[in-house]
Structure formats: structure tokens, C-alpha cells
């Protein structure tokens, strides 16, 4: 009985991680639970990896670092996202890195 409950909870967790969280986001590489896409990113060659992902998924895709980060990679997409829909992307999530580098949640990385 305990095994069935444990297996059910594991199934719900996997469904949530691999389907439900990605449902309304742009396509991107499949993330692993808890670490996202950090398993295949090489920080020494991140620019070439971002460009290869852009070729594979298009100008708008999602990277999980381990929370989702939407990558916008084209001029038209940048205009659409930041000018036409600026009110939807105005809120900046808290990030320790942006706090340390920019002294607040400022800028576009």
C-alpha cells in the first residue's frame, strides 16, 4: 500500500516537472528536476551554446537555470516583448546575482 502511494506521488511529481510547469512557456531543452538545464551548459562556451539552441528552437525559447529563463534572440522578438508587451514583462524576479552586480533588479542580461 505504501509503495502504491509513493509511486503515485512520484508520478504526480514527474508530471508536474516535465509537463505542467512547461505548458505555457516557449519550447526549449528538456529540464531535469531540481537542476534544470544546468547539466549540459558549459560556462566556458555559453555564447556558442546559446546560439546553437537559438538555431534549434528559434528566437524565443526557455532555459531552466533551474527556474525558467525566457531567452529572446531576435530584433523583432525583442521589440514585441519589450515595447508592445512591456507591461507583461515589467516585473523583475529577485536574483542574488543581479543584486550583487547591479545593486538591484536592473538591466537585461
N, C-alpha and C. Protein backbone atom coordinates (compact mmCIF):
# COMPACT_ATOMS: atom_id res chain seq x y z
N UNK A 1 0.82 -1.19 0.00
CA UNK A 1 0.00 0.00 0.00
C UNK A 1 0.87 1.26 0.00
N UNK A 2 1.89 1.26 0.87
CA UNK A 2 2.78 2.40 0.94
C UNK A 2 3.51 2.61 -0.39
N UNK A 3 3.88 1.50 -1.04
CA UNK A 3 4.56 1.57 -2.33
C UNK A 3 3.69 2.20 -3.41
N UNK A 4 2.41 1.90 -3.41
CA UNK A 4 1.48 2.46 -4.39
C UNK A 4 1.35 3.97 -4.18
N UNK A 5 1.25 4.39 -2.93
CA UNK A 5 1.15 5.83 -2.64
C UNK A 5 2.43 6.54 -3.04
N UNK A 6 3.56 5.94 -2.73
CA UNK A 6 4.85 6.53 -3.08
C UNK A 6 5.02 6.62 -4.60
N UNK A 7 4.63 5.57 -5.30
CA UNK A 7 4.71 5.56 -6.76
C UNK A 7 3.76 6.60 -7.36
N UNK A 8 2.58 6.76 -6.80
CA UNK A 8 1.63 7.76 -7.28
C UNK A 8 2.17 9.17 -7.08
N UNK A 9 2.73 9.43 -5.92
CA UNK A 9 3.31 10.74 -5.66
C UNK A 9 4.49 11.03 -6.59
N UNK A 10 5.29 10.03 -6.86
CA UNK A 10 6.40 10.19 -7.79
C UNK A 10 5.88 10.49 -9.20
N UNK A 11 4.82 9.81 -9.61
CA UNK A 11 4.22 10.06 -10.92
C UNK A 11 3.67 11.47 -11.03
N UNK A 12 3.02 11.94 -9.98
CA UNK A 12 2.49 13.31 -9.99
C UNK A 12 3.64 14.31 -10.05
N UNK A 13 4.71 14.05 -9.31
CA UNK A 13 5.87 14.93 -9.33
C UNK A 13 6.49 15.00 -10.72
N UNK A 14 6.65 13.86 -11.37
CA UNK A 14 7.23 13.84 -12.72
C UNK A 14 6.32 14.56 -13.71
N UNK A 15 5.00 14.34 -13.62
CA UNK A 15 4.05 15.04 -14.49
C UNK A 15 4.16 16.54 -14.29
N UNK A 16 4.24 16.97 -13.05
CA UNK A 16 4.34 18.39 -12.76
C UNK A 16 5.64 18.97 -13.30
N UNK A 17 6.75 18.29 -13.11
CA UNK A 17 8.05 18.81 -13.54
C UNK A 17 8.21 18.85 -15.06
N UNK A 18 7.78 17.80 -15.73
CA UNK A 18 8.06 17.69 -17.16
C UNK A 18 6.94 18.15 -18.06
N UNK A 19 5.74 18.36 -17.53
CA UNK A 19 4.65 18.79 -18.40
C UNK A 19 4.01 20.08 -17.89
N UNK A 20 3.49 20.08 -16.70
CA UNK A 20 2.67 21.18 -16.22
C UNK A 20 3.46 22.49 -16.13
N UNK A 21 4.69 22.46 -15.63
CA UNK A 21 5.49 23.67 -15.50
C UNK A 21 5.90 24.24 -16.85
N UNK A 22 5.96 23.43 -17.87
CA UNK A 22 6.40 23.86 -19.20
C UNK A 22 5.24 24.19 -20.12
N UNK A 23 4.02 24.03 -19.67
CA UNK A 23 2.84 24.11 -20.52
C UNK A 23 2.70 25.45 -21.23
N UNK A 24 2.87 26.57 -20.52
CA UNK A 24 2.63 27.89 -21.10
C UNK A 24 3.91 28.65 -21.39
N UNK A 25 5.01 27.94 -21.53
CA UNK A 25 6.30 28.57 -21.82
C UNK A 25 6.74 28.21 -23.23
N UNK A 26 7.61 29.03 -23.83
CA UNK A 26 8.15 28.68 -25.15
C UNK A 26 8.92 27.35 -25.08
N UNK A 27 9.10 26.70 -26.22
CA UNK A 27 9.82 25.41 -26.21
C UNK A 27 11.28 25.61 -25.80
N UNK A 28 11.89 24.52 -25.43
CA UNK A 28 13.29 24.56 -25.03
C UNK A 28 13.75 23.16 -24.70
N UNK A 29 15.02 23.01 -24.33
CA UNK A 29 15.52 21.68 -23.98
C UNK A 29 14.83 21.15 -22.72
N UNK A 30 14.71 19.85 -22.65
CA UNK A 30 14.03 19.20 -21.52
C UNK A 30 14.85 19.38 -20.24
N UNK A 31 14.25 20.00 -19.21
CA UNK A 31 15.00 20.20 -17.96
C UNK A 31 14.88 18.98 -17.04
N UNK A 32 15.88 18.82 -16.22
CA UNK A 32 15.83 17.79 -15.18
C UNK A 32 15.26 18.42 -13.90
N UNK A 33 14.58 17.64 -13.08
CA UNK A 33 14.09 18.19 -11.81
C UNK A 33 15.24 18.71 -10.95
N UNK A 34 15.02 19.82 -10.31
CA UNK A 34 15.92 20.47 -9.36
C UNK A 34 17.13 21.14 -9.99
N UNK A 35 17.63 20.70 -11.13
CA UNK A 35 18.81 21.34 -11.73
C UNK A 35 18.52 21.97 -13.08
N UNK A 36 17.36 21.74 -13.64
CA UNK A 36 17.01 22.36 -14.91
C UNK A 36 17.91 21.92 -16.04
N UNK A 37 18.40 22.89 -16.81
CA UNK A 37 19.29 22.61 -17.93
C UNK A 37 20.76 22.83 -17.59
N UNK A 38 21.07 22.97 -16.33
CA UNK A 38 22.46 23.19 -15.93
C UNK A 38 23.35 21.99 -16.22
N UNK A 39 22.74 20.83 -16.44
CA UNK A 39 23.54 19.62 -16.66
C UNK A 39 24.30 19.64 -17.97
N UNK A 40 23.85 20.41 -18.96
CA UNK A 40 24.57 20.40 -20.24
C UNK A 40 25.21 21.74 -20.59
N UNK A 41 25.04 22.75 -19.76
CA UNK A 41 25.63 24.05 -20.08
C UNK A 41 27.10 24.10 -19.65
N UNK A 42 27.93 24.53 -20.57
CA UNK A 42 29.35 24.71 -20.31
C UNK A 42 29.60 26.22 -20.22
N UNK A 43 29.91 26.72 -19.04
CA UNK A 43 30.04 28.16 -18.85
C UNK A 43 31.21 28.75 -19.63
N UNK A 44 32.16 27.95 -20.04
CA UNK A 44 33.27 28.45 -20.84
C UNK A 44 32.88 28.70 -22.29
N UNK A 45 31.80 28.10 -22.75
CA UNK A 45 31.37 28.22 -24.14
C UNK A 45 29.87 28.54 -24.21
N UNK A 46 29.39 29.35 -23.28
CA UNK A 46 27.95 29.60 -23.18
C UNK A 46 27.41 30.35 -24.39
N UNK A 47 28.19 31.24 -24.98
CA UNK A 47 27.69 32.01 -26.12
C UNK A 47 27.41 31.12 -27.33
N UNK A 48 28.29 30.17 -27.62
CA UNK A 48 28.05 29.26 -28.73
C UNK A 48 26.90 28.30 -28.43
N UNK A 49 26.73 27.92 -27.17
CA UNK A 49 25.61 27.05 -26.81
C UNK A 49 24.28 27.78 -26.97
N UNK A 50 24.24 29.06 -26.57
CA UNK A 50 23.02 29.86 -26.72
C UNK A 50 22.68 30.00 -28.21
N UNK A 51 23.69 30.22 -29.05
CA UNK A 51 23.43 30.34 -30.49
C UNK A 51 22.95 29.02 -31.09
N UNK A 52 23.51 27.90 -30.65
CA UNK A 52 23.05 26.61 -31.18
C UNK A 52 21.63 26.30 -30.71
N UNK A 53 21.29 26.67 -29.49
CA UNK A 53 19.91 26.50 -29.03
C UNK A 53 18.95 27.40 -29.80
N UNK A 54 19.42 28.60 -30.16
CA UNK A 54 18.60 29.50 -30.97
C UNK A 54 18.32 28.90 -32.35
N UNK A 55 19.32 28.26 -32.95
CA UNK A 55 19.11 27.59 -34.23
C UNK A 55 18.14 26.43 -34.11
N UNK A 56 18.18 25.74 -32.98
CA UNK A 56 17.34 24.56 -32.79
C UNK A 56 15.90 24.93 -32.42
N UNK A 57 15.70 25.94 -31.52
CA UNK A 57 14.36 26.24 -31.00
C UNK A 57 13.78 27.55 -31.52
N UNK A 58 14.53 28.35 -32.24
CA UNK A 58 14.02 29.61 -32.76
C UNK A 58 14.47 30.79 -31.89
N UNK A 59 13.90 31.96 -32.17
CA UNK A 59 14.32 33.18 -31.50
C UNK A 59 13.76 33.34 -30.09
N UNK A 60 12.84 32.50 -29.69
CA UNK A 60 12.23 32.58 -28.37
C UNK A 60 12.18 31.18 -27.78
N UNK A 61 12.95 30.94 -26.71
CA UNK A 61 12.95 29.62 -26.09
C UNK A 61 13.20 29.75 -24.59
N UNK A 62 13.00 28.65 -23.88
CA UNK A 62 13.11 28.64 -22.43
C UNK A 62 14.30 27.81 -22.00
N UNK A 63 15.11 28.37 -21.12
CA UNK A 63 16.19 27.64 -20.44
C UNK A 63 15.84 27.60 -18.96
N UNK A 64 16.03 26.46 -18.34
CA UNK A 64 15.75 26.31 -16.91
C UNK A 64 17.08 26.36 -16.17
N UNK A 65 17.27 27.39 -15.34
CA UNK A 65 18.56 27.62 -14.68
C UNK A 65 18.44 27.71 -13.17
N UNK A 66 17.93 26.92 -12.38
CA UNK A 66 16.92 25.88 -12.53
C UNK A 66 15.50 26.42 -12.64
N UNK A 67 15.29 27.72 -12.42
CA UNK A 67 13.97 28.29 -12.69
C UNK A 67 13.95 28.75 -14.14
N UNK A 68 12.76 28.91 -14.73
CA UNK A 68 12.71 29.22 -16.17
C UNK A 68 13.23 30.61 -16.49
N UNK A 69 14.03 30.69 -17.55
CA UNK A 69 14.52 31.95 -18.10
C UNK A 69 14.16 31.95 -19.58
N UNK A 70 13.38 32.94 -20.01
CA UNK A 70 12.97 33.04 -21.41
C UNK A 70 14.07 33.78 -22.15
N UNK A 71 14.62 33.15 -23.19
CA UNK A 71 15.67 33.75 -24.00
C UNK A 71 15.04 34.33 -25.25
N UNK A 72 15.25 35.63 -25.47
CA UNK A 72 14.72 36.33 -26.64
C UNK A 72 15.92 36.62 -27.53
N UNK A 73 15.90 36.11 -28.79
CA UNK A 73 17.08 36.18 -29.60
C UNK A 73 16.95 36.88 -30.93
N UNK A 74 15.94 37.66 -31.17
CA UNK A 74 15.80 38.34 -32.44
C UNK A 74 15.33 39.76 -32.23
N UNK A 75 15.64 40.65 -33.18
CA UNK A 75 15.28 42.06 -33.04
C UNK A 75 13.77 42.23 -33.02
N UNK A 76 13.06 41.57 -33.91
CA UNK A 76 11.60 41.68 -33.93
C UNK A 76 10.99 41.14 -32.65
N UNK A 77 11.52 40.03 -32.14
CA UNK A 77 11.01 39.46 -30.90
C UNK A 77 11.30 40.39 -29.72
N UNK A 78 12.46 41.03 -29.71
CA UNK A 78 12.78 42.00 -28.65
C UNK A 78 11.80 43.16 -28.67
N UNK A 79 11.50 43.67 -29.86
CA UNK A 79 10.52 44.76 -29.98
C UNK A 79 9.15 44.32 -29.50
N UNK A 80 8.75 43.14 -29.90
CA UNK A 80 7.44 42.63 -29.50
C UNK A 80 7.36 42.44 -27.99
N UNK A 81 8.39 41.85 -27.41
CA UNK A 81 8.36 41.56 -25.98
C UNK A 81 8.48 42.82 -25.14
N UNK A 82 9.45 43.68 -25.43
CA UNK A 82 9.74 44.79 -24.53
C UNK A 82 9.02 46.09 -24.87
N UNK A 83 8.58 46.28 -26.10
CA UNK A 83 7.88 47.51 -26.44
C UNK A 83 6.37 47.28 -26.48
N UNK A 84 5.93 46.31 -27.24
CA UNK A 84 4.48 46.09 -27.37
C UNK A 84 3.88 45.43 -26.12
N UNK A 85 4.62 44.55 -25.46
CA UNK A 85 4.12 43.85 -24.28
C UNK A 85 4.95 44.17 -23.05
N UNK A 86 5.45 45.39 -22.95
CA UNK A 86 6.33 45.76 -21.86
C UNK A 86 5.71 45.65 -20.48
N UNK A 87 4.40 45.90 -20.38
CA UNK A 87 3.75 45.81 -19.08
C UNK A 87 3.71 44.38 -18.54
N UNK A 88 3.73 43.40 -19.44
CA UNK A 88 3.70 42.00 -19.02
C UNK A 88 5.05 41.50 -18.52
N UNK A 89 6.13 42.12 -18.96
CA UNK A 89 7.47 41.69 -18.56
C UNK A 89 8.16 42.71 -17.67
N UNK A 90 7.41 43.65 -17.11
CA UNK A 90 8.00 44.72 -16.31
C UNK A 90 8.50 44.23 -14.96
N UNK A 91 7.88 43.23 -14.36
CA UNK A 91 8.30 42.74 -13.06
C UNK A 91 9.58 41.93 -13.17
N UNK A 92 10.56 42.24 -12.36
CA UNK A 92 11.83 41.52 -12.39
C UNK A 92 11.90 40.62 -11.16
N UNK A 93 12.17 39.34 -11.34
CA UNK A 93 12.31 38.45 -10.18
C UNK A 93 13.59 38.77 -9.41
N UNK A 94 13.58 38.46 -8.12
CA UNK A 94 14.77 38.69 -7.31
C UNK A 94 15.86 37.69 -7.69
N UNK A 95 17.05 38.19 -7.86
CA UNK A 95 18.21 37.35 -8.16
C UNK A 95 19.39 37.88 -7.37
N UNK A 96 20.04 37.00 -6.64
CA UNK A 96 21.21 37.40 -5.87
C UNK A 96 22.29 37.95 -6.80
N UNK A 97 22.45 37.35 -7.99
CA UNK A 97 23.48 37.79 -8.92
C UNK A 97 23.21 39.21 -9.40
N UNK A 98 21.97 39.54 -9.76
CA UNK A 98 21.67 40.90 -10.21
C UNK A 98 21.78 41.90 -9.06
N UNK A 99 21.45 41.47 -7.85
CA UNK A 99 21.61 42.34 -6.69
C UNK A 99 23.09 42.66 -6.45
N UNK A 100 23.94 41.67 -6.59
CA UNK A 100 25.38 41.86 -6.37
C UNK A 100 26.02 42.67 -7.49
N UNK A 101 25.62 42.42 -8.73
CA UNK A 101 26.26 43.08 -9.87
C UNK A 101 25.71 44.47 -10.12
N UNK A 102 24.39 44.65 -10.04
CA UNK A 102 23.77 45.91 -10.43
C UNK A 102 23.20 46.68 -9.26
N UNK A 103 23.33 46.18 -8.05
CA UNK A 103 22.80 46.81 -6.83
C UNK A 103 21.28 46.96 -6.91
N UNK A 104 20.63 45.98 -7.49
CA UNK A 104 19.18 45.98 -7.58
C UNK A 104 18.73 45.16 -8.77
N UNK A 105 17.43 44.97 -8.94
CA UNK A 105 16.92 44.17 -10.05
C UNK A 105 16.83 44.99 -11.33
N UNK A 106 17.98 45.43 -11.85
CA UNK A 106 18.00 46.28 -13.03
C UNK A 106 18.68 45.59 -14.20
N UNK A 107 18.36 46.01 -15.39
CA UNK A 107 19.09 45.58 -16.57
C UNK A 107 18.55 44.32 -17.22
N UNK A 108 19.05 44.11 -18.38
CA UNK A 108 18.71 42.94 -19.17
C UNK A 108 19.99 42.16 -19.35
N UNK A 109 19.96 40.89 -19.05
CA UNK A 109 21.16 40.08 -19.17
C UNK A 109 21.09 39.28 -20.44
